[in-house]
Amino acid sequence: MFVFIGYVIELTRFNIQAIGPILGGALATGLGWRSIFWFLSIVSGLICVFFVVFFRDTFRKERSLTYQAVLQHRLAEIEQQRQKESVQHSGTDLEKNVPPPVDVTLSLKDVSPAKPIALVLRRPNNIAILFASGLFFAFGFSVAYTTSRTLGIHYDYDALETGLVIVAFGVGSVAGSVLGGRFSDYQLTRLKSKNGTASYPE
């Protein structure tokens, strides 16, 4: 499990820290530094178009916990209103008080990330993990930046040559993540067997 997570995270970081500098260096060397931003704009625009055209069903009402929670809340409100009306008109037919189907439209308040963020930050171990991960990513990008500045100023490397040097950093990051994931899987398996194959998320 942790190995798979390591593959996903580090392949993304490898594309950013290793392939990105090579591609950016080639564009800057061949077409100038403005070509990098033109390339990013074109790729981002194409991805946006593909999402709009091919990913229309990105919000499944029957699978959305947020939608179901809001729907239950609205149904409870309708039920309370129906009970008040039935008390006021106790002699009416009950079938007339059956509520119609409810079509819920979510607002920004319903999908606000404030509540999930608060749930994450109330656990000290989550804060520690987020802080350590933030430092890890900050150091990773600072290494790429300082490397490119040092090689360019003091060693006269061009953008493509600097990108090729940074490949070593990307490969090392992938290898470290995969090995760390295997070690985490080993520790998890060992502790589960020691605890009678029982485990629970922290």
N, C-alpha and C. Protein backbone atom coordinates (compact mmCIF):
# COMPACT_ATOMS: atom_id res chain seq x y z
N MET A 1 0.82 -1.20 0.00
CA MET A 1 0.00 0.00 0.00
C MET A 1 0.86 1.26 0.00
N PHE A 2 1.82 1.32 0.95
CA PHE A 2 2.67 2.49 1.03
C PHE A 2 3.60 2.59 -0.19
N VAL A 3 3.96 1.44 -0.75
CA VAL A 3 4.78 1.46 -1.96
C VAL A 3 4.01 2.10 -3.10
N PHE A 4 2.72 1.74 -3.24
CA PHE A 4 1.89 2.32 -4.30
C PHE A 4 1.74 3.82 -4.10
N ILE A 5 1.51 4.25 -2.86
CA ILE A 5 1.41 5.68 -2.58
C ILE A 5 2.72 6.38 -2.92
N GLY A 6 3.83 5.73 -2.58
CA GLY A 6 5.13 6.31 -2.91
C GLY A 6 5.33 6.45 -4.40
N TYR A 7 4.88 5.43 -5.17
CA TYR A 7 4.99 5.51 -6.62
C TYR A 7 4.20 6.70 -7.16
N VAL A 8 2.96 6.86 -6.69
CA VAL A 8 2.12 7.94 -7.20
C VAL A 8 2.72 9.31 -6.88
N ILE A 9 3.11 9.49 -5.61
CA ILE A 9 3.64 10.80 -5.20
C ILE A 9 4.95 11.10 -5.90
N GLU A 10 5.85 10.14 -5.92
CA GLU A 10 7.17 10.41 -6.45
C GLU A 10 7.20 10.46 -7.97
N LEU A 11 6.31 9.75 -8.64
CA LEU A 11 6.25 9.92 -10.09
C LEU A 11 5.80 11.32 -10.45
N THR A 12 4.88 11.87 -9.64
CA THR A 12 4.45 13.26 -9.86
C THR A 12 5.62 14.20 -9.61
N ARG A 13 6.31 14.00 -8.49
CA ARG A 13 7.46 14.86 -8.18
C ARG A 13 8.59 14.66 -9.17
N PHE A 14 8.74 13.44 -9.68
CA PHE A 14 9.78 13.18 -10.68
C PHE A 14 9.49 13.97 -11.96
N ASN A 15 8.22 13.98 -12.36
CA ASN A 15 7.87 14.76 -13.55
C ASN A 15 8.16 16.24 -13.35
N ILE A 16 7.92 16.75 -12.12
CA ILE A 16 8.13 18.17 -11.85
C ILE A 16 9.61 18.48 -11.73
N GLN A 17 10.34 17.67 -10.98
CA GLN A 17 11.72 18.01 -10.63
C GLN A 17 12.75 17.48 -11.60
N ALA A 18 12.43 16.47 -12.37
CA ALA A 18 13.41 15.89 -13.29
C ALA A 18 13.05 16.16 -14.75
N ILE A 19 11.86 15.72 -15.16
CA ILE A 19 11.46 15.91 -16.55
C ILE A 19 11.17 17.38 -16.83
N GLY A 20 10.58 18.08 -15.86
CA GLY A 20 10.26 19.49 -16.04
C GLY A 20 11.47 20.35 -16.38
N PRO A 21 12.55 20.26 -15.61
CA PRO A 21 13.73 21.06 -15.95
C PRO A 21 14.33 20.72 -17.31
N ILE A 22 14.30 19.43 -17.70
CA ILE A 22 14.84 19.07 -19.01
C ILE A 22 14.00 19.68 -20.12
N LEU A 23 12.68 19.52 -20.01
CA LEU A 23 11.80 20.07 -21.03
C LEU A 23 11.88 21.59 -21.05
N GLY A 24 11.86 22.20 -19.85
CA GLY A 24 11.99 23.65 -19.79
C GLY A 24 13.33 24.14 -20.32
N GLY A 25 14.39 23.40 -20.01
CA GLY A 25 15.70 23.77 -20.53
C GLY A 25 15.78 23.67 -22.03
N ALA A 26 15.18 22.63 -22.59
CA ALA A 26 15.20 22.49 -24.05
C ALA A 26 14.41 23.62 -24.72
N LEU A 27 13.26 23.95 -24.15
CA LEU A 27 12.46 25.04 -24.72
C LEU A 27 13.19 26.38 -24.61
N ALA A 28 13.77 26.62 -23.41
CA ALA A 28 14.46 27.89 -23.22
C ALA A 28 15.70 28.00 -24.11
N THR A 29 16.41 26.88 -24.30
CA THR A 29 17.61 26.91 -25.13
C THR A 29 17.27 27.07 -26.61
N GLY A 30 16.21 26.40 -27.05
CA GLY A 30 15.88 26.44 -28.47
C GLY A 30 15.01 27.60 -28.89
N LEU A 31 14.02 27.95 -28.03
CA LEU A 31 13.03 28.96 -28.44
C LEU A 31 12.99 30.18 -27.53
N GLY A 32 13.79 30.21 -26.48
CA GLY A 32 13.77 31.34 -25.57
C GLY A 32 12.91 31.06 -24.34
N TRP A 33 13.13 31.85 -23.29
CA TRP A 33 12.44 31.57 -22.02
C TRP A 33 10.94 31.79 -22.10
N ARG A 34 10.47 32.63 -23.03
CA ARG A 34 9.02 32.86 -23.14
C ARG A 34 8.29 31.62 -23.63
N SER A 35 9.00 30.74 -24.34
CA SER A 35 8.36 29.53 -24.87
C SER A 35 7.87 28.62 -23.74
N ILE A 36 8.51 28.69 -22.57
CA ILE A 36 8.07 27.86 -21.43
C ILE A 36 6.65 28.23 -21.02
N PHE A 37 6.38 29.52 -20.95
CA PHE A 37 5.06 29.98 -20.53
C PHE A 37 4.01 29.73 -21.61
N TRP A 38 4.42 29.85 -22.88
CA TRP A 38 3.49 29.50 -23.94
C TRP A 38 3.15 28.01 -23.89
N PHE A 39 4.14 27.18 -23.63
CA PHE A 39 3.91 25.74 -23.52
C PHE A 39 2.96 25.42 -22.37
N LEU A 40 3.19 26.03 -21.21
CA LEU A 40 2.32 25.78 -20.05
C LEU A 40 0.90 26.26 -20.32
N SER A 41 0.76 27.39 -20.99
CA SER A 41 -0.58 27.90 -21.30
C SER A 41 -1.33 26.97 -22.24
N ILE A 42 -0.64 26.46 -23.26
CA ILE A 42 -1.28 25.56 -24.23
C ILE A 42 -1.69 24.25 -23.56
N VAL A 43 -0.77 23.66 -22.77
CA VAL A 43 -1.08 22.39 -22.12
C VAL A 43 -2.21 22.56 -21.10
N SER A 44 -2.17 23.62 -20.32
CA SER A 44 -3.24 23.86 -19.35
C SER A 44 -4.58 24.07 -20.04
N GLY A 45 -4.59 24.81 -21.14
CA GLY A 45 -5.83 25.01 -21.88
C GLY A 45 -6.39 23.71 -22.44
N LEU A 46 -5.51 22.86 -22.99
CA LEU A 46 -5.97 21.57 -23.52
C LEU A 46 -6.53 20.67 -22.42
N ILE A 47 -5.87 20.66 -21.28
CA ILE A 47 -6.37 19.84 -20.16
C ILE A 47 -7.72 20.35 -19.69
N CYS A 48 -7.90 21.67 -19.63
CA CYS A 48 -9.18 22.25 -19.22
C CYS A 48 -10.28 21.86 -20.21
N VAL A 49 -9.98 21.93 -21.51
CA VAL A 49 -10.97 21.56 -22.52
C VAL A 49 -11.33 20.08 -22.41
N PHE A 50 -10.35 19.21 -22.23
CA PHE A 50 -10.61 17.79 -22.09
C PHE A 50 -11.50 17.49 -20.89
N PHE A 51 -11.26 18.19 -19.77
CA PHE A 51 -12.09 17.97 -18.59
C PHE A 51 -13.52 18.42 -18.84
N VAL A 52 -13.69 19.55 -19.49
CA VAL A 52 -15.04 20.06 -19.74
C VAL A 52 -15.79 19.12 -20.69
N VAL A 53 -15.11 18.59 -21.70
CA VAL A 53 -15.77 17.78 -22.72
C VAL A 53 -15.97 16.34 -22.28
N PHE A 54 -14.95 15.73 -21.68
CA PHE A 54 -14.97 14.29 -21.43
C PHE A 54 -15.25 13.91 -19.99
N PHE A 55 -15.28 14.86 -19.05
CA PHE A 55 -15.50 14.53 -17.65
C PHE A 55 -16.72 15.28 -17.12
N ARG A 56 -17.84 15.09 -17.78
CA ARG A 56 -19.05 15.78 -17.37
C ARG A 56 -19.62 15.21 -16.08
N ASP A 57 -19.50 13.90 -15.89
CA ASP A 57 -20.10 13.27 -14.72
C ASP A 57 -19.08 13.22 -13.58
N THR A 58 -18.62 14.40 -13.16
CA THR A 58 -17.65 14.47 -12.06
C THR A 58 -18.32 14.58 -10.71
N PHE A 59 -19.65 14.79 -10.69
CA PHE A 59 -20.35 14.93 -9.42
C PHE A 59 -21.53 13.97 -9.42
N ARG A 60 -21.40 12.83 -8.78
CA ARG A 60 -22.45 11.84 -8.70
C ARG A 60 -23.24 12.06 -7.43
N LYS A 61 -24.51 12.43 -7.58
CA LYS A 61 -25.31 12.76 -6.42
C LYS A 61 -25.46 11.57 -5.47
N GLU A 62 -25.65 10.38 -6.07
CA GLU A 62 -25.88 9.22 -5.21
C GLU A 62 -24.61 8.78 -4.49
N ARG A 63 -23.43 9.26 -4.92
CA ARG A 63 -22.18 8.89 -4.28
C ARG A 63 -21.56 10.02 -3.47
N SER A 64 -22.16 11.19 -3.51
CA SER A 64 -21.60 12.34 -2.82
C SER A 64 -22.12 12.39 -1.38
N LEU A 65 -21.22 12.29 -0.41
CA LEU A 65 -21.61 12.38 0.98
C LEU A 65 -22.14 13.77 1.31
N THR A 66 -21.56 14.79 0.67
CA THR A 66 -22.03 16.16 0.91
C THR A 66 -23.46 16.33 0.43
N TYR A 67 -23.75 15.83 -0.76
CA TYR A 67 -25.10 15.94 -1.30
C TYR A 67 -26.10 15.17 -0.44
N GLN A 68 -25.72 13.96 -0.01
CA GLN A 68 -26.63 13.17 0.80
C GLN A 68 -26.89 13.83 2.16
N ALA A 69 -25.85 14.44 2.75
CA ALA A 69 -26.03 15.12 4.03
C ALA A 69 -26.97 16.31 3.89
N VAL A 70 -26.78 17.11 2.83
CA VAL A 70 -27.67 18.26 2.60
C VAL A 70 -29.09 17.78 2.31
N LEU A 71 -29.22 16.70 1.54
CA LEU A 71 -30.54 16.16 1.22
C LEU A 71 -31.26 15.71 2.49
N GLN A 72 -30.58 15.00 3.37
CA GLN A 72 -31.20 14.58 4.62
C GLN A 72 -31.62 15.77 5.47
N HIS A 73 -30.80 16.81 5.47
CA HIS A 73 -31.14 18.01 6.24
C HIS A 73 -32.39 18.68 5.67
N ARG A 74 -32.47 18.78 4.34
CA ARG A 74 -33.65 19.39 3.73
C ARG A 74 -34.89 18.53 3.95
N LEU A 75 -34.75 17.22 3.85
CA LEU A 75 -35.89 16.34 4.09
C LEU A 75 -36.38 16.44 5.52
N ALA A 76 -35.45 16.60 6.48
CA ALA A 76 -35.86 16.78 7.87
C ALA A 76 -36.64 18.08 8.05
N GLU A 77 -36.20 19.12 7.37
CA GLU A 77 -36.94 20.38 7.45
C GLU A 77 -38.34 20.25 6.86
N ILE A 78 -38.44 19.55 5.73
CA ILE A 78 -39.75 19.34 5.11
C ILE A 78 -40.64 18.50 6.01
N GLU A 79 -40.07 17.48 6.66
CA GLU A 79 -40.84 16.63 7.56
C GLU A 79 -41.36 17.42 8.76
N GLN A 80 -40.54 18.29 9.32
CA GLN A 80 -40.99 19.14 10.43
C GLN A 80 -42.12 20.06 10.00
N GLN A 81 -41.97 20.65 8.81
CA GLN A 81 -43.03 21.53 8.31
C GLN A 81 -44.31 20.74 8.06
N ARG A 82 -44.17 19.52 7.56
CA ARG A 82 -45.36 18.70 7.28
C ARG A 82 -46.07 18.30 8.57
N GLN A 83 -45.28 18.02 9.64
CA GLN A 83 -45.89 17.69 10.92
C GLN A 83 -46.64 18.88 11.52
N LYS A 84 -46.08 20.07 11.36
CA LYS A 84 -46.78 21.26 11.85
C LYS A 84 -48.09 21.47 11.11
N GLU A 85 -48.06 21.26 9.79
CA GLU A 85 -49.28 21.42 9.01
C GLU A 85 -50.30 20.34 9.33
N SER A 86 -49.82 19.12 9.62
CA SER A 86 -50.77 18.04 9.95
C SER A 86 -51.43 18.27 11.29
N VAL A 87 -50.73 18.92 12.21
CA VAL A 87 -51.33 19.26 13.51
C VAL A 87 -52.41 20.32 13.33
N GLN A 88 -52.12 21.29 12.46
CA GLN A 88 -53.09 22.35 12.23
C GLN A 88 -54.31 21.86 11.45
N HIS A 89 -54.11 20.87 10.57
CA HIS A 89 -55.20 20.30 9.77
C HIS A 89 -55.28 18.81 10.07
N SER A 90 -55.68 18.49 11.27
CA SER A 90 -55.68 17.09 11.71
C SER A 90 -56.71 16.25 10.99
N GLY A 91 -57.73 16.87 10.39
CA GLY A 91 -58.79 16.09 9.74
C GLY A 91 -58.53 15.86 8.27
N THR A 92 -57.46 16.33 7.72
CA THR A 92 -57.21 16.17 6.29
C THR A 92 -56.64 14.80 5.99
N ASP A 93 -56.68 14.46 4.73
CA ASP A 93 -56.16 13.17 4.28
C ASP A 93 -54.63 13.17 4.38
N LEU A 94 -54.08 12.10 4.93
CA LEU A 94 -52.63 12.03 5.12
C LEU A 94 -51.89 11.94 3.78
N GLU A 95 -52.55 11.38 2.75
CA GLU A 95 -51.87 11.25 1.47
C GLU A 95 -51.59 12.60 0.84
N LYS A 96 -52.38 13.60 1.21
CA LYS A 96 -52.13 14.93 0.67
C LYS A 96 -50.90 15.58 1.27
N ASN A 97 -50.46 15.05 2.43
CA ASN A 97 -49.29 15.63 3.10
C ASN A 97 -47.98 14.96 2.72
N VAL A 98 -48.02 14.03 1.77
CA VAL A 98 -46.79 13.38 1.34
C VAL A 98 -45.92 14.41 0.63
N PRO A 99 -44.66 14.59 1.06
CA PRO A 99 -43.81 15.62 0.45
C PRO A 99 -43.41 15.23 -0.96
N PRO A 100 -43.31 16.21 -1.85
CA PRO A 100 -42.88 15.92 -3.22
C PRO A 100 -41.39 15.60 -3.25
N PRO A 101 -40.92 15.01 -4.35
CA PRO A 101 -39.47 14.75 -4.47
C PRO A 101 -38.67 16.04 -4.35
N VAL A 102 -37.54 15.93 -3.67
CA VAL A 102 -36.72 17.10 -3.39
C VAL A 102 -35.52 17.12 -4.33
N ASP A 103 -35.33 18.25 -4.98
CA ASP A 103 -34.15 18.46 -5.82
C ASP A 103 -33.28 19.49 -5.12
N VAL A 104 -32.14 19.03 -4.59
CA VAL A 104 -31.28 19.88 -3.78
C VAL A 104 -30.24 20.55 -4.66
N THR A 105 -30.09 21.84 -4.49
CA THR A 105 -29.02 22.60 -5.15
C THR A 105 -28.02 23.03 -4.10
N LEU A 106 -26.79 22.57 -4.25
CA LEU A 106 -25.76 22.88 -3.27
C LEU A 106 -25.31 24.33 -3.41
N SER A 107 -25.02 24.93 -2.27
CA SER A 107 -24.47 26.28 -2.23
C SER A 107 -23.00 26.22 -1.82
N LEU A 108 -22.34 27.36 -1.84
CA LEU A 108 -20.94 27.41 -1.42
C LEU A 108 -20.79 27.03 0.05
N LYS A 109 -21.81 27.33 0.85
CA LYS A 109 -21.77 26.96 2.26
C LYS A 109 -21.75 25.45 2.45
N ASP A 110 -22.46 24.73 1.56
CA ASP A 110 -22.54 23.27 1.68
C ASP A 110 -21.23 22.59 1.32
N VAL A 111 -20.49 23.15 0.40
CA VAL A 111 -19.24 22.54 -0.05
C VAL A 111 -18.01 23.27 0.47
N SER A 112 -18.18 24.02 1.52
CA SER A 112 -17.06 24.77 2.09
C SER A 112 -16.02 23.80 2.66
N PRO A 113 -14.73 24.04 2.38
CA PRO A 113 -13.69 23.16 2.90
C PRO A 113 -13.32 23.44 4.35
N ALA A 114 -13.97 24.42 4.98
CA ALA A 114 -13.59 24.81 6.34
C ALA A 114 -13.79 23.66 7.33
N LYS A 115 -14.91 22.96 7.24
CA LYS A 115 -15.19 21.87 8.19
C LYS A 115 -14.22 20.70 8.02
N PRO A 116 -13.97 20.21 6.78
CA PRO A 116 -12.97 19.14 6.65
C PRO A 116 -11.58 19.55 7.12
N ILE A 117 -11.19 20.80 6.84
CA ILE A 117 -9.88 21.26 7.29
C ILE A 117 -9.81 21.28 8.81
N ALA A 118 -10.90 21.71 9.46
CA ALA A 118 -10.93 21.72 10.92
C ALA A 118 -10.84 20.31 11.48
N LEU A 119 -11.50 19.35 10.82
CA LEU A 119 -11.43 17.96 11.28
C LEU A 119 -10.02 17.40 11.16
N VAL A 120 -9.30 17.80 10.12
CA VAL A 120 -7.93 17.33 9.94
C VAL A 120 -7.00 17.97 10.96
N LEU A 121 -7.14 19.27 11.18
CA LEU A 121 -6.21 19.99 12.04
C LEU A 121 -6.45 19.77 13.53
N ARG A 122 -7.55 19.13 13.90
CA ARG A 122 -7.78 18.90 15.33
C ARG A 122 -6.95 17.75 15.88
N ARG A 123 -6.32 16.98 14.97
CA ARG A 123 -5.46 15.88 15.41
C ARG A 123 -4.00 16.32 15.36
N PRO A 124 -3.28 16.23 16.48
CA PRO A 124 -1.87 16.67 16.49
C PRO A 124 -0.98 15.91 15.51
N ASN A 125 -1.25 14.61 15.33
CA ASN A 125 -0.40 13.85 14.40
C ASN A 125 -0.58 14.33 12.96
N ASN A 126 -1.79 14.79 12.60
CA ASN A 126 -1.98 15.33 11.26
C ASN A 126 -1.19 16.62 11.07
N ILE A 127 -1.18 17.46 12.08
CA ILE A 127 -0.42 18.71 11.99
C ILE A 127 1.07 18.42 11.83
N ALA A 128 1.57 17.43 12.58
CA ALA A 128 2.98 17.08 12.48
C ALA A 128 3.32 16.55 11.08
N ILE A 129 2.44 15.71 10.53
CA ILE A 129 2.67 15.16 9.19
C ILE A 129 2.63 16.26 8.14
N LEU A 130 1.66 17.17 8.25
CA LEU A 130 1.55 18.26 7.29
C LEU A 130 2.78 19.17 7.37
N PHE A 131 3.24 19.45 8.58
CA PHE A 131 4.41 20.32 8.73
C PHE A 131 5.66 19.66 8.13
N ALA A 132 5.85 18.37 8.43
CA ALA A 132 7.01 17.67 7.88
C ALA A 132 6.93 17.56 6.36
N SER A 133 5.73 17.29 5.83
CA SER A 133 5.58 17.19 4.38
C SER A 133 5.82 18.55 3.71
N GLY A 134 5.37 19.63 4.35
CA GLY A 134 5.61 20.96 3.81
C GLY A 134 7.09 21.29 3.75
N LEU A 135 7.81 20.93 4.81
CA LEU A 135 9.26 21.15 4.79
C LEU A 135 9.94 20.31 3.71
N PHE A 136 9.48 19.08 3.56
CA PHE A 136 10.08 18.19 2.56
C PHE A 136 9.91 18.76 1.15
N PHE A 137 8.70 19.20 0.83
CA PHE A 137 8.47 19.76 -0.50
C PHE A 137 9.20 21.09 -0.66
N ALA A 138 9.25 21.90 0.40
CA ALA A 138 9.96 23.18 0.31
C ALA A 138 11.45 22.96 0.05
N PHE A 139 12.05 22.01 0.76
CA PHE A 139 13.46 21.72 0.55
C PHE A 139 13.71 21.15 -0.85
N GLY A 140 12.77 20.33 -1.32
CA GLY A 140 12.93 19.75 -2.65
C GLY A 140 12.97 20.81 -3.73
N PHE A 141 12.05 21.76 -3.68
CA PHE A 141 12.02 22.80 -4.70
C PHE A 141 13.15 23.80 -4.51
N SER A 142 13.57 24.01 -3.26
CA SER A 142 14.71 24.93 -3.05
C SER A 142 16.00 24.33 -3.59
N VAL A 143 16.14 23.00 -3.53
CA VAL A 143 17.32 22.36 -4.10
C VAL A 143 17.36 22.57 -5.62
N ALA A 144 16.22 22.39 -6.27
CA ALA A 144 16.18 22.60 -7.72
C ALA A 144 16.50 24.04 -8.08
N TYR A 145 15.98 24.98 -7.31
CA TYR A 145 16.23 26.41 -7.60
C TYR A 145 17.69 26.79 -7.36
N THR A 146 18.21 26.42 -6.20
CA THR A 146 19.59 26.79 -5.90
C THR A 146 20.58 26.08 -6.82
N THR A 147 20.25 24.85 -7.22
CA THR A 147 21.11 24.14 -8.16
C THR A 147 21.19 24.86 -9.50
N SER A 148 20.03 25.25 -10.00
CA SER A 148 20.03 25.95 -11.30
C SER A 148 20.75 27.29 -11.22
N ARG A 149 20.58 28.02 -10.11
CA ARG A 149 21.27 29.31 -9.96
C ARG A 149 22.79 29.11 -9.85
N THR A 150 23.20 28.14 -9.05
CA THR A 150 24.64 27.91 -8.85
C THR A 150 25.32 27.44 -10.13
N LEU A 151 24.70 26.48 -10.81
CA LEU A 151 25.31 25.97 -12.04
C LEU A 151 25.32 27.01 -13.14
N GLY A 152 24.30 27.84 -13.18
CA GLY A 152 24.25 28.85 -14.23
C GLY A 152 25.21 30.00 -14.00
N ILE A 153 25.35 30.44 -12.74
CA ILE A 153 26.19 31.61 -12.45
C ILE A 153 27.67 31.25 -12.37
N HIS A 154 27.98 30.18 -11.64
CA HIS A 154 29.38 29.87 -11.36
C HIS A 154 30.00 28.86 -12.33
N TYR A 155 29.17 28.08 -13.03
CA TYR A 155 29.73 27.05 -13.91
C TYR A 155 29.30 27.21 -15.37
N ASP A 156 28.57 28.27 -15.65
CA ASP A 156 28.14 28.59 -17.02
C ASP A 156 27.35 27.46 -17.69
N TYR A 157 26.52 26.76 -16.91
CA TYR A 157 25.64 25.74 -17.48
C TYR A 157 24.45 26.44 -18.12
N ASP A 158 24.01 25.94 -19.27
CA ASP A 158 22.78 26.47 -19.84
C ASP A 158 21.58 25.74 -19.22
N ALA A 159 20.39 26.12 -19.67
CA ALA A 159 19.18 25.57 -19.05
C ALA A 159 19.05 24.07 -19.26
N LEU A 160 19.41 23.58 -20.45
CA LEU A 160 19.30 22.15 -20.72
C LEU A 160 20.29 21.35 -19.89
N GLU A 161 21.51 21.79 -19.78
CA GLU A 161 22.51 21.08 -18.97
C GLU A 161 22.12 21.07 -17.50
N THR A 162 21.57 22.17 -17.02
CA THR A 162 21.10 22.20 -15.62
C THR A 162 19.97 21.21 -15.41
N GLY A 163 19.06 21.12 -16.38
CA GLY A 163 17.97 20.15 -16.26
C GLY A 163 18.45 18.72 -16.21
N LEU A 164 19.49 18.41 -16.98
CA LEU A 164 20.05 17.05 -16.95
C LEU A 164 20.68 16.74 -15.60
N VAL A 165 21.30 17.74 -14.97
CA VAL A 165 21.88 17.51 -13.64
C VAL A 165 20.78 17.23 -12.61
N ILE A 166 19.68 17.96 -12.70
CA ILE A 166 18.60 17.81 -11.72
C ILE A 166 17.90 16.46 -11.85
N VAL A 167 18.10 15.76 -12.98
CA VAL A 167 17.52 14.42 -13.12
C VAL A 167 17.99 13.51 -11.99
N ALA A 168 19.25 13.65 -11.58
CA ALA A 168 19.77 12.82 -10.49
C ALA A 168 18.96 13.02 -9.21
N PHE A 169 18.57 14.26 -8.94
CA PHE A 169 17.76 14.54 -7.75
C PHE A 169 16.39 13.89 -7.85
N GLY A 170 15.78 13.94 -9.05
CA GLY A 170 14.48 13.29 -9.23
C GLY A 170 14.54 11.79 -9.08
N VAL A 171 15.58 11.18 -9.64
CA VAL A 171 15.73 9.72 -9.52
C VAL A 171 15.96 9.33 -8.07
N GLY A 172 16.78 10.10 -7.35
CA GLY A 172 17.00 9.80 -5.93
C GLY A 172 15.74 9.94 -5.11
N SER A 173 14.90 10.90 -5.43
CA SER A 173 13.64 11.07 -4.70
C SER A 173 12.72 9.89 -4.92
N VAL A 174 12.63 9.42 -6.17
CA VAL A 174 11.78 8.26 -6.46
C VAL A 174 12.30 7.03 -5.74
N ALA A 175 13.61 6.80 -5.79
CA ALA A 175 14.17 5.62 -5.13
C ALA A 175 13.96 5.67 -3.63
N GLY A 176 14.16 6.85 -3.02
CA GLY A 176 13.94 6.97 -1.58
C GLY A 176 12.51 6.73 -1.18
N SER A 177 11.56 7.23 -2.00
CA SER A 177 10.15 7.03 -1.67
C SER A 177 9.74 5.57 -1.80
N VAL A 178 10.23 4.90 -2.84
CA VAL A 178 9.88 3.48 -3.03
C VAL A 178 10.46 2.64 -1.90
N LEU A 179 11.72 2.87 -1.55
CA LEU A 179 12.34 2.12 -0.46
C LEU A 179 11.66 2.43 0.87
N GLY A 180 11.32 3.70 1.08
CA GLY A 180 10.60 4.05 2.30
C GLY A 180 9.22 3.42 2.36
N GLY A 181 8.55 3.33 1.20
CA GLY A 181 7.24 2.67 1.17
C GLY A 181 7.34 1.18 1.48
N ARG A 182 8.37 0.53 0.96
CA ARG A 182 8.56 -0.89 1.27
C ARG A 182 8.86 -1.10 2.75
N PHE A 183 9.65 -0.21 3.32
CA PHE A 183 9.94 -0.32 4.74
C PHE A 183 8.68 -0.10 5.57
N SER A 184 7.84 0.85 5.16
CA SER A 184 6.58 1.09 5.87
C SER A 184 5.65 -0.10 5.77
N ASP A 185 5.58 -0.73 4.58
CA ASP A 185 4.77 -1.94 4.44
C ASP A 185 5.29 -3.06 5.33
N TYR A 186 6.59 -3.18 5.41
CA TYR A 186 7.19 -4.21 6.27
C TYR A 186 6.84 -3.97 7.74
N GLN A 187 6.95 -2.72 8.17
CA GLN A 187 6.63 -2.41 9.56
C GLN A 187 5.15 -2.62 9.85
N LEU A 188 4.28 -2.24 8.91
CA LEU A 188 2.85 -2.43 9.11
C LEU A 188 2.51 -3.91 9.21
N THR A 189 3.08 -4.73 8.34
CA THR A 189 2.83 -6.17 8.38
C THR A 189 3.34 -6.78 9.68
N ARG A 190 4.50 -6.35 10.13
CA ARG A 190 5.08 -6.88 11.37
C ARG A 190 4.22 -6.51 12.58
N LEU A 191 3.77 -5.26 12.63
CA LEU A 191 2.97 -4.82 13.78
C LEU A 191 1.57 -5.45 13.76
N LYS A 192 1.01 -5.67 12.56
CA LYS A 192 -0.30 -6.33 12.48
C LYS A 192 -0.21 -7.76 12.96
N SER A 193 0.83 -8.48 12.54
CA SER A 193 0.98 -9.86 13.00
C SER A 193 1.23 -9.93 14.51
N LYS A 194 1.92 -8.92 15.02
CA LYS A 194 2.16 -8.88 16.47
C LYS A 194 0.88 -8.58 17.24
N ASN A 195 -0.05 -7.86 16.60
CA ASN A 195 -1.31 -7.47 17.24
C ASN A 195 -2.46 -8.38 16.83
N GLY A 196 -2.15 -9.57 16.31
CA GLY A 196 -3.21 -10.50 15.92
C GLY A 196 -3.93 -10.10 14.65
N THR A 197 -3.19 -9.54 13.68
CA THR A 197 -3.69 -9.08 12.38
C THR A 197 -4.72 -7.96 12.50
N ALA A 198 -4.83 -7.34 13.65
CA ALA A 198 -5.78 -6.23 13.83
C ALA A 198 -5.03 -4.91 13.69
N SER A 199 -5.66 -3.97 13.01
CA SER A 199 -5.07 -2.64 12.85
C SER A 199 -6.19 -1.63 12.75
N TYR A 200 -5.86 -0.39 13.01
CA TYR A 200 -6.85 0.70 12.88
C TYR A 200 -6.10 1.97 12.50
N PRO A 201 -6.75 2.83 11.71
CA PRO A 201 -6.09 4.07 11.29
C PRO A 201 -5.93 5.03 12.46
N GLU A 202 -4.82 5.74 12.47
CA GLU A 202 -4.60 6.73 13.51
C GLU A 202 -5.34 8.02 13.22
